[in-house]
PDB file of N, CA and C in Angstrom:
ATOM      1  N   MET A   1     -66.188   8.995  70.693  1.00  0.00           N
ATOM      2  CA  MET A   1     -65.478   8.109  70.750  1.00  0.00           C
ATOM      3  C   MET A   1     -64.146   7.836  72.253  1.00  0.00           C
ATOM      4  N   SER A   2     -64.733   6.445  72.616  1.00  0.00           N
ATOM      5  CA  SER A   2     -64.143   6.498  73.934  1.00  0.00           C
ATOM      6  C   SER A   2     -63.002   5.910  73.811  1.00  0.00           C
ATOM      7  N   LEU A   3     -62.228   5.863  75.485  1.00  0.00           N
ATOM      8  CA  LEU A   3     -61.122   4.768  75.407  1.00  0.00           C
ATOM      9  C   LEU A   3     -61.600   3.667  75.582  1.00  0.00           C
ATOM     10  N   ALA A   4     -62.514   3.374  75.393  1.00  0.00           N
ATOM     11  CA  ALA A   4     -63.120   2.077  76.146  1.00  0.00           C
ATOM     12  C   ALA A   4     -63.001   1.310  74.863  1.00  0.00           C
ATOM     13  N   SER A   5     -63.459   1.998  74.189  1.00  0.00           N
ATOM     14  CA  SER A   5     -64.226   1.322  73.345  1.00  0.00           C
ATOM     15  C   SER A   5     -62.662   1.086  71.927  1.00  0.00           C
ATOM     16  N   LEU A   6     -61.854   1.518  72.394  1.00  0.00           N
ATOM     17  CA  LEU A   6     -60.421   1.495  71.494  1.00  0.00           C
ATOM     18  C   LEU A   6     -60.037  -0.048  71.738  1.00  0.00           C
ATOM     19  N   ASP A   7     -59.448  -0.938  70.835  1.00  0.00           N
ATOM     20  CA  ASP A   7     -58.879  -2.153  71.384  1.00  0.00           C
ATOM     21  C   ASP A   7     -57.694  -1.989  71.586  1.00  0.00           C
ATOM     22  N   SER A   8     -57.112  -3.151  71.782  1.00  0.00           N
ATOM     23  CA  SER A   8     -55.391  -2.944  72.478  1.00  0.00           C
ATOM     24  C   SER A   8     -54.432  -2.501  70.889  1.00  0.00           C
ATOM     25  N   ALA A   9     -54.863  -2.968  70.091  1.00  0.00           N
ATOM     26  CA  ALA A   9     -53.981  -2.638  69.003  1.00  0.00           C
ATOM     27  C   ALA A   9     -53.978  -0.859  68.237  1.00  0.00           C
ATOM     28  N   THR A  10     -55.647  -0.772  68.817  1.00  0.00           N
ATOM     29  CA  THR A  10     -55.200   1.143  68.189  1.00  0.00           C
ATOM     30  C   THR A  10     -54.650   1.225  68.917  1.00  0.00           C
ATOM     31  N   LEU A  11     -54.815   0.888  70.663  1.00  0.00           N
ATOM     32  CA  LEU A  11     -53.901   1.737  71.942  1.00  0.00           C
ATOM     33  C   LEU A  11     -52.810   1.669  71.455  1.00  0.00           C
ATOM     34  N   PHE A  12     -52.454   1.170  71.220  1.00  0.00           N
ATOM     35  CA  PHE A  12     -50.770   0.676  71.056  1.00  0.00           C
ATOM     36  C   PHE A  12     -49.951   1.528  69.796  1.00  0.00           C
ATOM     37  N   GLY A  13     -50.716   1.390  68.505  1.00  0.00           N
ATOM     38  CA  GLY A  13     -50.901   2.515  68.043  1.00  0.00           C
ATOM     39  C   GLY A  13     -50.798   3.824  67.993  1.00  0.00           C
ATOM     40  N   LEU A  14     -51.618   4.233  68.594  1.00  0.00           N
ATOM     41  CA  LEU A  14     -51.821   5.238  68.565  1.00  0.00           C
ATOM     42  C   LEU A  14     -50.913   6.043  70.161  1.00  0.00           C
ATOM     43  N   THR A  15     -50.032   5.020  70.896  1.00  0.00           N
ATOM     44  CA  THR A  15     -49.181   5.939  71.870  1.00  0.00           C
ATOM     45  C   THR A  15     -48.508   5.237  71.058  1.00  0.00           C
ATOM     46  N   GLY A  16     -47.874   4.698  70.088  1.00  0.00           N
ATOM     47  CA  GLY A  16     -46.574   4.689  69.382  1.00  0.00           C
ATOM     48  C   GLY A  16     -46.227   6.080  68.409  1.00  0.00           C
ATOM     49  N   ALA A  17     -47.420   6.447  67.925  1.00  0.00           N
ATOM     50  CA  ALA A  17     -47.891   7.492  67.089  1.00  0.00           C
ATOM     51  C   ALA A  17     -47.545   8.945  67.845  1.00  0.00           C
ATOM     52  N   ALA A  18     -47.854   8.685  69.052  1.00  0.00           N
ATOM     53  CA  ALA A  18     -47.668  10.218  70.371  1.00  0.00           C
ATOM     54  C   ALA A  18     -46.091  10.066  70.702  1.00  0.00           C
ATOM     55  N   LEU A  19     -45.601   8.458  71.234  1.00  0.00           N
ATOM     56  CA  LEU A  19     -44.424   8.656  70.879  1.00  0.00           C
ATOM     57  C   LEU A  19     -43.685   9.380  70.083  1.00  0.00           C
ATOM     58  N   ALA A  20     -43.830   9.113  68.764  1.00  0.00           N
ATOM     59  CA  ALA A  20     -43.145   9.211  67.891  1.00  0.00           C
ATOM     60  C   ALA A  20     -42.570  10.910  67.377  1.00  0.00           C
ATOM     61  N   GLY A  21     -44.232  11.502  67.760  1.00  0.00           N
ATOM     62  CA  GLY A  21     -44.529  13.231  67.448  1.00  0.00           C
ATOM     63  C   GLY A  21     -43.356  13.619  68.443  1.00  0.00           C
ATOM     64  N   ILE A  22     -43.308  12.975  70.242  1.00  0.00           N
ATOM     65  CA  ILE A  22     -42.729  13.833  70.519  1.00  0.00           C
ATOM     66  C   ILE A  22     -41.071  14.006  70.843  1.00  0.00           C
ATOM     67  N   GLY A  23     -40.899  12.596  70.488  1.00  0.00           N
ATOM     68  CA  GLY A  23     -39.029  12.020  70.048  1.00  0.00           C
ATOM     69  C   GLY A  23     -39.011  13.263  68.754  1.00  0.00           C
ATOM     70  N   LEU A  24     -39.355  13.312  68.214  1.00  0.00           N
ATOM     71  CA  LEU A  24     -39.830  13.985  66.636  1.00  0.00           C
ATOM     72  C   LEU A  24     -39.094  15.971  66.925  1.00  0.00           C
ATOM     73  N   PHE A  25     -40.219  16.079  68.069  1.00  0.00           N
ATOM     74  CA  PHE A  25     -40.116  17.119  68.511  1.00  0.00           C
ATOM     75  C   PHE A  25     -38.874  17.526  69.736  1.00  0.00           C
ATOM     76  N   ILE A  26     -38.629  16.069  70.362  1.00  0.00           N
ATOM     77  CA  ILE A  26     -37.048  16.688  71.282  1.00  0.00           C
ATOM     78  C   ILE A  26     -36.036  16.830  70.456  1.00  0.00           C
ATOM     79  N   VAL A  27     -35.995  15.895  68.859  1.00  0.00           N
ATOM     80  CA  VAL A  27     -34.913  15.973  68.190  1.00  0.00           C
ATOM     81  C   VAL A  27     -34.735  17.329  67.331  1.00  0.00           C
ATOM     82  N   ILE A  28     -35.996  17.708  66.818  1.00  0.00           N
ATOM     83  CA  ILE A  28     -35.487  18.772  66.345  1.00  0.00           C
ATOM     84  C   ILE A  28     -35.914  20.249  67.114  1.00  0.00           C
ATOM     85  N   ALA A  29     -36.105  20.319  68.238  1.00  0.00           N
ATOM     86  CA  ALA A  29     -35.688  21.576  68.953  1.00  0.00           C
ATOM     87  C   ALA A  29     -34.974  21.739  69.758  1.00  0.00           C
ATOM     88  N   HIS A  30     -34.396  20.889  70.410  1.00  0.00           N
ATOM     89  CA  HIS A  30     -33.441  20.916  71.284  1.00  0.00           C
ATOM     90  C   HIS A  30     -32.388  20.755  70.521  1.00  0.00           C
ATOM     91  N   ALA A  31     -31.327  21.764  71.196  1.00  0.00           N
ATOM     92  CA  ALA A  31     -30.078  21.576  70.737  1.00  0.00           C
ATOM     93  C   ALA A  31     -28.974  21.045  70.795  1.00  0.00           C
ATOM     94  N   GLY A  32     -29.022  20.508  72.613  1.00  0.00           N
ATOM     95  CA  GLY A  32     -28.243  19.208  73.667  1.00  0.00           C
ATOM     96  C   GLY A  32     -27.774  18.114  72.530  1.00  0.00           C
ATOM     97  N   LEU A  33     -26.842  17.861  73.129  1.00  0.00           N
ATOM     98  CA  LEU A  33     -27.006  16.228  71.926  1.00  0.00           C
ATOM     99  C   LEU A  33     -27.464  14.885  72.719  1.00  0.00           C
ATOM    100  N   LEU A  34     -27.389  15.219  73.958  1.00  0.00           N
ATOM    101  CA  LEU A  34     -27.588  14.025  75.008  1.00  0.00           C
ATOM    102  C   LEU A  34     -28.855  14.418  74.907  1.00  0.00           C
ATOM    103  N   ARG A  35     -29.498  15.117  74.711  1.00  0.00           N
ATOM    104  CA  ARG A  35     -31.135  14.903  74.401  1.00  0.00           C
ATOM    105  C   ARG A  35     -31.497  14.967  73.054  1.00  0.00           C
ATOM    106  N   ARG A  36     -31.030  15.196  72.238  1.00  0.00           N
ATOM    107  CA  ARG A  36     -31.468  14.786  70.898  1.00  0.00           C
ATOM    108  C   ARG A  36     -30.995  12.968  71.254  1.00  0.00           C
ATOM    109  N   ILE A  37     -30.095  12.714  71.713  1.00  0.00           N
ATOM    110  CA  ILE A  37     -29.888  11.306  71.234  1.00  0.00           C
ATOM    111  C   ILE A  37     -31.190  10.681  72.219  1.00  0.00           C
ATOM    112  N   VAL A  38     -31.429  11.243  73.375  1.00  0.00           N
ATOM    113  CA  VAL A  38     -32.826  10.960  74.307  1.00  0.00           C
ATOM    114  C   VAL A  38     -34.386  10.732  73.434  1.00  0.00           C
ATOM    115  N   GLY A  39     -33.693  11.992  73.016  1.00  0.00           N
ATOM    116  CA  GLY A  39     -35.519  12.190  71.536  1.00  0.00           C
ATOM    117  C   GLY A  39     -35.200  11.183  70.897  1.00  0.00           C
ATOM    118  N   PHE A  40     -34.351  10.643  70.018  1.00  0.00           N
ATOM    119  CA  PHE A  40     -33.901   9.510  69.544  1.00  0.00           C
ATOM    120  C   PHE A  40     -34.432   8.661  69.345  1.00  0.00           C
ATOM    121  N   ASN A  41     -34.405   8.224  71.055  1.00  0.00           N
ATOM    122  CA  ASN A  41     -34.979   6.584  71.331  1.00  0.00           C
ATOM    123  C   ASN A  41     -36.237   7.367  71.688  1.00  0.00           C
ATOM    124  N   ILE A  42     -36.471   7.995  71.973  1.00  0.00           N
ATOM    125  CA  ILE A  42     -37.784   7.755  72.217  1.00  0.00           C
ATOM    126  C   ILE A  42     -38.727   7.590  70.827  1.00  0.00           C
ATOM    127  N   LEU A  43     -38.610   8.532  69.682  1.00  0.00           N
ATOM    128  CA  LEU A  43     -38.832   8.330  68.140  1.00  0.00           C
ATOM    129  C   LEU A  43     -39.043   7.026  67.782  1.00  0.00           C
ATOM    130  N   GLY A  44     -37.737   6.364  68.167  1.00  0.00           N
ATOM    131  CA  GLY A  44     -37.283   5.202  67.729  1.00  0.00           C
ATOM    132  C   GLY A  44     -38.446   4.286  68.284  1.00  0.00           C
ATOM    133  N   ALA A  45     -38.683   4.165  70.154  1.00  0.00           N
ATOM    134  CA  ALA A  45     -39.450   3.348  70.600  1.00  0.00           C
ATOM    135  C   ALA A  45     -41.265   3.260  69.851  1.00  0.00           C
ATOM    136  N   GLY A  46     -41.749   4.923  70.024  1.00  0.00           N
ATOM    137  CA  GLY A  46     -42.652   5.115  69.224  1.00  0.00           C
ATOM    138  C   GLY A  46     -42.784   3.845  67.802  1.00  0.00           C
ATOM    139  N   ILE A  47     -41.896   3.666  67.065  1.00  0.00           N
ATOM    140  CA  ILE A  47     -41.898   2.960  65.933  1.00  0.00           C
ATOM    141  C   ILE A  47     -41.615   2.102  65.578  1.00  0.00           C
ATOM    142  N   PHE A  48     -41.487   1.612  67.152  1.00  0.00           N
ATOM    143  CA  PHE A  48     -41.398  -0.210  67.300  1.00  0.00           C
ATOM    144  C   PHE A  48     -42.857   0.092  67.330  1.00  0.00           C
ATOM    145  N   LEU A  49     -43.511   0.479  68.352  1.00  0.00           N
ATOM    146  CA  LEU A  49     -44.586   0.172  69.232  1.00  0.00           C
ATOM    147  C   LEU A  49     -45.718  -0.053  67.887  1.00  0.00           C
ATOM    148  N   VAL A  50     -45.388   0.715  66.581  1.00  0.00           N
ATOM    149  CA  VAL A  50     -46.889   1.122  65.818  1.00  0.00           C
ATOM    150  C   VAL A  50     -46.535   0.274  65.180  1.00  0.00           C
ATOM    151  N   PHE A  51     -45.061  -0.645  64.290  1.00  0.00           N
ATOM    152  CA  PHE A  51     -44.864  -2.159  64.131  1.00  0.00           C
ATOM    153  C   PHE A  51     -45.749  -2.848  65.112  1.00  0.00           C
ATOM    154  N   GLY A  52     -45.605  -3.102  66.359  1.00  0.00           N
ATOM    155  CA  GLY A  52     -45.775  -4.252  67.085  1.00  0.00           C
ATOM    156  C   GLY A  52     -47.167  -4.137  67.072  1.00  0.00           C
ATOM    157  N   ALA A  53     -48.279  -2.908  66.961  1.00  0.00           N
ATOM    158  CA  ALA A  53     -49.217  -2.885  66.644  1.00  0.00           C
ATOM    159  C   ALA A  53     -49.829  -3.196  65.496  1.00  0.00           C
ATOM    160  N   ALA A  54     -49.029  -3.180  64.707  1.00  0.00           N
ATOM    161  CA  ALA A  54     -49.334  -3.196  63.240  1.00  0.00           C
ATOM    162  C   ALA A  54     -49.264  -4.930  62.953  1.00  0.00           C
ATOM    163  N   ALA A  55     -48.576  -5.546  63.420  1.00  0.00           N
ATOM    164  CA  ALA A  55     -48.308  -7.213  63.617  1.00  0.00           C
ATOM    165  C   ALA A  55     -49.158  -7.903  64.347  1.00  0.00           C
ATOM    166  N   ARG A  56     -49.700  -6.932  65.631  1.00  0.00           N
ATOM    167  CA  ARG A  56     -50.901  -7.548  65.907  1.00  0.00           C
ATOM    168  C   ARG A  56     -52.232  -7.632  65.379  1.00  0.00           C
ATOM    169  N   ARG A  57     -52.558  -6.776  64.882  1.00  0.00           N
ATOM    170  CA  ARG A  57     -53.579  -6.141  63.736  1.00  0.00           C
ATOM    171  C   ARG A  57     -53.954  -7.735  62.737  1.00  0.00           C
ATOM    172  N   GLY A  58     -53.322  -8.657  62.717  1.00  0.00           N
ATOM    173  CA  GLY A  58     -53.601 -10.132  61.825  1.00  0.00           C
ATOM    174  C   GLY A  58     -53.546 -10.576  62.619  1.00  0.00           C
ATOM    175  N   ALA A  59     -53.511 -10.812  63.987  1.00  0.00           N
ATOM    176  CA  ALA A  59     -53.610 -11.738  64.972  1.00  0.00           C
ATOM    177  C   ALA A  59     -54.874 -10.965  65.190  1.00  0.00           C
ATOM    178  N   ALA A  60     -56.135 -10.150  65.163  1.00  0.00           N
ATOM    179  CA  ALA A  60     -57.319  -9.907  65.402  1.00  0.00           C
ATOM    180  C   ALA A  60     -57.976 -10.157  64.375  1.00  0.00           C
ATOM    181  N   ALA A  61     -57.457 -10.675  63.564  1.00  0.00           N
ATOM    182  CA  ALA A  61     -58.358 -10.922  61.934  1.00  0.00           C
ATOM    183  C   ALA A  61     -58.517 -13.074  61.938  1.00  0.00           C
ATOM    184  N   GLY A  62     -58.096 -12.809  63.152  1.00  0.00           N
ATOM    185  CA  GLY A  62     -57.695 -14.687  63.251  1.00  0.00           C
ATOM    186  C   GLY A  62     -56.796 -15.314  62.794  1.00  0.00           C
ATOM    187  N   PHE A  63     -55.665 -14.627  62.463  1.00  0.00           N
ATOM    188  CA  PHE A  63     -54.150 -15.440  62.050  1.00  0.00           C
ATOM    189  C   PHE A  63     -53.270 -15.331  63.410  1.00  0.00           C
ATOM    190  N   SER A  64     -52.611 -15.422  63.611  1.00  0.00           N
ATOM    191  CA  SER A  64     -51.543 -15.539  64.668  1.00  0.00           C
ATOM    192  C   SER A  64     -50.677 -14.164  63.375  1.00  0.00           C
ATOM    193  N   GLY A  65     -50.137 -13.840  65.070  1.00  0.00           N
ATOM    194  CA  GLY A  65     -49.630 -12.317  64.729  1.00  0.00           C
ATOM    195  C   GLY A  65     -48.116 -12.459  63.320  1.00  0.00           C
ATOM    196  N   ASP A  66     -48.536 -11.455  62.816  1.00  0.00           N
ATOM    197  CA  ASP A  66     -47.110 -11.757  61.332  1.00  0.00           C
ATOM    198  C   ASP A  66     -45.865 -11.259  62.460  1.00  0.00           C
ATOM    199  N   PRO A  67     -45.402 -12.451  61.977  1.00  0.00           N
ATOM    200  CA  PRO A  67     -43.669 -12.605  62.429  1.00  0.00           C
ATOM    201  C   PRO A  67     -42.891 -11.709  61.641  1.00  0.00           C
ATOM    202  N   VAL A  68     -43.155 -11.494  60.658  1.00  0.00           N
ATOM    203  CA  VAL A  68     -41.986 -10.352  60.005  1.00  0.00           C
ATOM    204  C   VAL A  68     -42.203  -8.973  61.393  1.00  0.00           C
ATOM    205  N   PRO A  69     -42.861  -8.171  60.808  1.00  0.00           N
ATOM    206  CA  PRO A  69     -42.914  -7.226  61.702  1.00  0.00           C
ATOM    207  C   PRO A  69     -42.328  -7.085  62.918  1.00  0.00           C
ATOM    208  N   GLN A  70     -42.731  -8.553  63.975  1.00  0.00           N
ATOM    209  CA  GLN A  70     -42.211  -8.520  65.189  1.00  0.00           C
ATOM    210  C   GLN A  70     -40.757  -8.977  65.401  1.00  0.00           C
ATOM    211  N   ALA A  71     -39.756  -9.472  64.118  1.00  0.00           N
ATOM    212  CA  ALA A  71     -38.290  -9.787  64.272  1.00  0.00           C
ATOM    213  C   ALA A  71     -38.012  -8.315  63.424  1.00  0.00           C
ATOM    214  N   MET A  72     -38.732  -7.718  63.008  1.00  0.00           N
ATOM    215  CA  MET A  72     -38.149  -6.627  62.497  1.00  0.00           C
ATOM    216  C   MET A  72     -38.258  -5.220  63.627  1.00  0.00           C
ATOM    217  N   VAL A  73     -38.794  -5.978  64.411  1.00  0.00           N
ATOM    218  CA  VAL A  73     -39.266  -5.117  66.251  1.00  0.00           C
ATOM    219  C   VAL A  73     -38.083  -5.435  66.663  1.00  0.00           C
ATOM    220  N   ILE A  74     -37.592  -6.515  67.293  1.00  0.00           N
ATOM    221  CA  ILE A  74     -36.693  -6.663  67.975  1.00  0.00           C
ATOM    222  C   ILE A  74     -35.055  -6.864  67.059  1.00  0.00           C
ATOM    223  N   THR A  75     -35.297  -6.637  65.859  1.00  0.00           N
ATOM    224  CA  THR A  75     -33.693  -6.751  64.894  1.00  0.00           C
ATOM    225  C   THR A  75     -33.482  -5.236  65.910  1.00  0.00           C
ATOM    226  N   GLY A  76     -35.141  -4.372  65.460  1.00  0.00           N
ATOM    227  CA  GLY A  76     -34.498  -2.858  65.193  1.00  0.00           C
ATOM    228  C   GLY A  76     -33.942  -2.480  67.146  1.00  0.00           C
ATOM    229  N   ILE A  77     -34.297  -3.041  67.959  1.00  0.00           N
ATOM    230  CA  ILE A  77     -34.972  -3.149  69.078  1.00  0.00           C
ATOM    231  C   ILE A  77     -33.069  -2.880  69.602  1.00  0.00           C
ATOM    232  N   VAL A  78     -32.392  -4.088  69.309  1.00  0.00           N
ATOM    233  CA  VAL A  78     -30.736  -4.568  69.560  1.00  0.00           C
ATOM    234  C   VAL A  78     -29.888  -3.425  68.403  1.00  0.00           C
ATOM    235  N   VAL A  79     -30.508  -2.488  67.557  1.00  0.00           N
ATOM    236  CA  VAL A  79     -29.859  -2.192  66.439  1.00  0.00           C
ATOM    237  C   VAL A  79     -29.002  -0.737  67.047  1.00  0.00           C
ATOM    238  N   ALA A  80     -30.930  -0.211  67.806  1.00  0.00           N
ATOM    239  CA  ALA A  80     -31.108   1.177  68.200  1.00  0.00           C
ATOM    240  C   ALA A  80     -30.852   0.968  69.971  1.00  0.00           C
ATOM    241  N   PHE A  81     -29.913   0.107  70.351  1.00  0.00           N
ATOM    242  CA  PHE A  81     -29.467  -0.148  71.927  1.00  0.00           C
ATOM    243  C   PHE A  81     -28.139   0.539  71.247  1.00  0.00           C
ATOM    244  N   SER A  82     -27.062  -0.470  69.976  1.00  0.00           N
ATOM    245  CA  SER A  82     -25.978  -0.668  70.001  1.00  0.00           C
ATOM    246  C   SER A  82     -25.720   0.862  69.518  1.00  0.00           C
ATOM    247  N   ALA A  83     -26.734   1.706  68.077  1.00  0.00           N
ATOM    248  CA  ALA A  83     -26.266   2.772  68.158  1.00  0.00           C
ATOM    249  C   ALA A  83     -26.547   3.849  69.282  1.00  0.00           C
ATOM    250  N   THR A  84     -27.260   3.904  69.839  1.00  0.00           N
ATOM    251  CA  THR A  84     -27.299   4.120  71.548  1.00  0.00           C
ATOM    252  C   THR A  84     -25.670   4.341  72.423  1.00  0.00           C
ATOM    253  N   ALA A  85     -25.474   3.639  72.432  1.00  0.00           N
ATOM    254  CA  ALA A  85     -24.477   2.982  72.983  1.00  0.00           C
ATOM    255  C   ALA A  85     -22.952   3.703  72.125  1.00  0.00           C
ATOM    256  N   LEU A  86     -22.964   3.817  71.009  1.00  0.00           N
ATOM    257  CA  LEU A  86     -21.735   4.317  70.311  1.00  0.00           C
ATOM    258  C   LEU A  86     -22.225   5.806  70.488  1.00  0.00           C
ATOM    259  N   ALA A  87     -23.357   6.119  70.248  1.00  0.00           N
ATOM    260  CA  ALA A  87     -23.116   8.057  70.337  1.00  0.00           C
ATOM    261  C   ALA A  87     -23.324   8.538  71.418  1.00  0.00           C
ATOM    262  N   VAL A  88     -23.668   7.653  72.645  1.00  0.00           N
ATOM    263  CA  VAL A  88     -22.797   8.604  73.723  1.00  0.00           C
ATOM    264  C   VAL A  88     -22.037   8.329  74.480  1.00  0.00           C
ATOM    265  N   ALA A  89     -21.063   7.290  73.429  1.00  0.00           N
ATOM    266  CA  ALA A  89     -19.212   6.975  73.689  1.00  0.00           C
ATOM    267  C   ALA A  89     -18.958   7.738  72.526  1.00  0.00           C
ATOM    268  N   LEU A  90     -19.301   8.569  71.592  1.00  0.00           N
ATOM    269  CA  LEU A  90     -18.937   9.154  71.160  1.00  0.00           C
ATOM    270  C   LEU A  90     -19.088  11.182  71.281  1.00  0.00           C
ATOM    271  N   LEU A  91     -20.724  10.709  72.422  1.00  0.00           N
ATOM    272  CA  LEU A  91     -20.732  12.442  72.757  1.00  0.00           C
ATOM    273  C   LEU A  91     -19.470  12.463  74.196  1.00  0.00           C
ATOM    274  N   GLN A  92     -19.359  11.630  75.040  1.00  0.00           N
ATOM    275  CA  GLN A  92     -18.625  11.396  75.943  1.00  0.00           C
ATOM    276  C   GLN A  92     -17.183  11.849  75.675  1.00  0.00           C
ATOM    277  N   ARG A  93     -16.412  11.038  74.602  1.00  0.00           N
ATOM    278  CA  ARG A  93     -15.298  11.818  73.752  1.00  0.00           C
ATOM    279  C   ARG A  93     -14.793  13.188  73.656  1.00  0.00           C
ATOM    280  N   LEU A  94     -16.510  13.484  72.706  1.00  0.00           N
ATOM    281  CA  LEU A  94     -16.055  14.724  72.635  1.00  0.00           C
ATOM    282  C   LEU A  94     -16.554  15.862  73.644  1.00  0.00           C
ATOM    283  N   PHE A  95     -17.067  15.392  74.769  1.00  0.00           N
ATOM    284  CA  PHE A  95     -16.847  16.082  76.222  1.00  0.00           C
ATOM    285  C   PHE A  95     -15.619  16.249  76.364  1.00  0.00           C
ATOM    286  N   ASP A  96     -15.032  14.969  76.417  1.00  0.00           N
ATOM    287  CA  ASP A  96     -13.289  15.004  76.742  1.00  0.00           C
ATOM    288  C   ASP A  96     -12.373  15.904  76.485  1.00  0.00           C
ATOM    289  N   LEU A  97     -12.527  15.663  75.116  1.00  0.00           N
ATOM    290  CA  LEU A  97     -11.685  16.631  74.450  1.00  0.00           C
ATOM    291  C   LEU A  97     -11.894  17.723  74.100  1.00  0.00           C
ATOM    292  N   THR A  98     -13.450  18.945  74.034  1.00  0.00           N
ATOM    293  CA  THR A  98     -13.462  20.151  74.172  1.00  0.00           C
ATOM    294  C   THR A  98     -14.158  20.558  75.038  1.00  0.00           C
ATOM    295  N   GLY A  99     -14.631  19.496  76.134  1.00  0.00           N
ATOM    296  CA  GLY A  99     -14.879  20.908  77.486  1.00  0.00           C
ATOM    297  C   GLY A  99     -16.717  21.009  76.547  1.00  0.00           C
ATOM    298  N   ARG A 100     -17.589  20.690  75.680  1.00  0.00           N
ATOM    299  CA  ARG A 100     -18.760  20.875  75.679  1.00  0.00           C
ATOM    300  C   ARG A 100     -19.225  19.425  75.432  1.00  0.00           C
ATOM    301  N   GLU A 101     -20.515  20.353  75.262  1.00  0.00           N
ATOM    302  CA  GLU A 101     -21.796  18.590  74.568  1.00  0.00           C
ATOM    303  C   GLU A 101     -22.273  19.079  73.245  1.00  0.00           C
ATOM    304  N   SER A 102     -21.882  20.412  72.393  1.00  0.00           N
ATOM    305  CA  SER A 102     -22.631  20.860  71.993  1.00  0.00           C
ATOM    306  C   SER A 102     -21.970  20.075  70.466  1.00  0.00           C
ATOM    307  N   LEU A 103     -22.025  20.667  68.991  1.00  0.00           N
ATOM    308  CA  LEU A 103     -21.397  20.393  67.769  1.00  0.00           C
ATOM    309  C   LEU A 103     -20.985  22.010  67.426  1.00  0.00           C
ATOM    310  N   ASP A 104     -21.960  23.174  68.183  1.00  0.00           N
ATOM    311  CA  ASP A 104     -21.385  24.357  68.104  1.00  0.00           C
ATOM    312  C   ASP A 104     -20.162  25.361  68.174  1.00  0.00           C
ATOM    313  N   ALA A 105     -19.545  25.443  67.473  1.00  0.00           N
ATOM    314  CA  ALA A 105     -18.300  26.568  67.450  1.00  0.00           C
ATOM    315  C   ALA A 105     -18.240  27.291  68.684  1.00  0.00           C
ATOM    316  N   PRO A 106     -17.217  27.198  69.390  1.00  0.00           N
ATOM    317  CA  PRO A 106     -17.106  28.043  70.677  1.00  0.00           C
ATOM    318  C   PRO A 106     -16.989  29.612  70.210  1.00  0.00           C
ATOM    319  N   ALA A 107     -17.445  29.911  71.267  1.00  0.00           N
ATOM    320  CA  ALA A 107     -17.378  31.235  71.370  1.00  0.00           C
ATOM    321  C   ALA A 107     -15.913  31.974  71.201  1.00  0.00           C
ATOM    322  N   ALA A 108     -15.667  33.277  70.899  1.00  0.00           N
ATOM    323  CA  ALA A 108     -14.639  33.719  70.957  1.00  0.00           C
ATOM    324  C   ALA A 108     -13.496  33.652  72.264  1.00  0.00           C
ATOM    325  N   GLY A 109     -14.488  34.478  73.044  1.00  0.00           N
ATOM    326  CA  GLY A 109     -13.726  34.330  74.530  1.00  0.00           C
ATOM    327  C   GLY A 109     -13.884  32.716  75.275  1.00  0.00           C
ATOM    328  N   ASP A 110     -14.370  31.937  74.520  1.00  0.00           N
ATOM    329  CA  ASP A 110     -14.434  30.527  75.696  1.00  0.00           C
ATOM    330  C   ASP A 110     -12.865  29.913  75.089  1.00  0.00           C
ATOM    331  N   LYS A 111     -12.595  28.634  76.884  1.00  0.00           N
ATOM    332  CA  LYS A 111     -10.915  28.236  76.442  1.00  0.00           C
ATOM    333  C   LYS A 111     -11.223  26.766  76.011  1.00  0.00           C
ATOM    334  N   GLN A 112     -10.397  26.334  75.502  1.00  0.00           N
ATOM    335  CA  GLN A 112     -10.706  25.093  74.894  1.00  0.00           C
ATOM    336  C   GLN A 112      -9.404  24.448  75.063  1.00  0.00           C
ATOM    337  N   GLN A 113     -10.248  23.267  75.594  1.00  0.00           N
ATOM    338  CA  GLN A 113      -8.903  21.730  75.692  1.00  0.00           C
ATOM    339  C   GLN A 113      -8.250  21.728  74.265  1.00  0.00           C
ATOM    340  N   ALA A 114      -7.278  21.532  73.472  1.00  0.00           N
ATOM    341  CA  ALA A 114      -7.019  21.540  72.409  1.00  0.00           C
ATOM    342  C   ALA A 114      -5.964  19.455  72.803  1.00  0.00           C
ATOM    343  N   GLU A 115      -5.702  19.104  73.709  1.00  0.00           N
ATOM    344  CA  GLU A 115      -4.698  18.380  74.264  1.00  0.00           C
ATOM    345  C   GLU A 115      -5.761  17.078  73.932  1.00  0.00           C
ATOM    346  N   PRO A 116      -5.543  15.880  73.628  1.00  0.00           N
ATOM    347  CA  PRO A 116      -6.373  15.163  73.330  1.00  0.00           C
ATOM    348  C   PRO A 116      -6.215  13.691  74.279  1.00  0.00           C
TER     349      PRO A 116
END
C-alpha cells in the first residue's frame, strides 16, 4: 500500500493515531509535569484528529460531514485549552511554593521553601 493510494480521511486517521500514541508514551514515560502536560495535549490532538477523520468519512459516502463529531472536536479543543491553562497555572504555583516541578517527595538533603 503506497501513501498515494490513501485518501485524506485515512491519512488523517493514521496521523491522529500516531499522535495519540506519541502523546500516550510521553504521558507514561516522562516524570516531569510540564512534559506530561505537553504529552496530554499531543494525545488530545491525536484524538481530535481521529474524530475529525471519522466525521469526514460520512462525506466520502456522498453525505455532508457528520456535524456531531465536528461539534465534539470544537468543544474538546476549547475544554483542552482551558484544562491546559489551569494545569500550567497549578504547575507554576507548585514551583513557586516548593521550587520543584514534580510531585515527588523531596530528598532528605533538599531545602524546601515552606512559605506561601
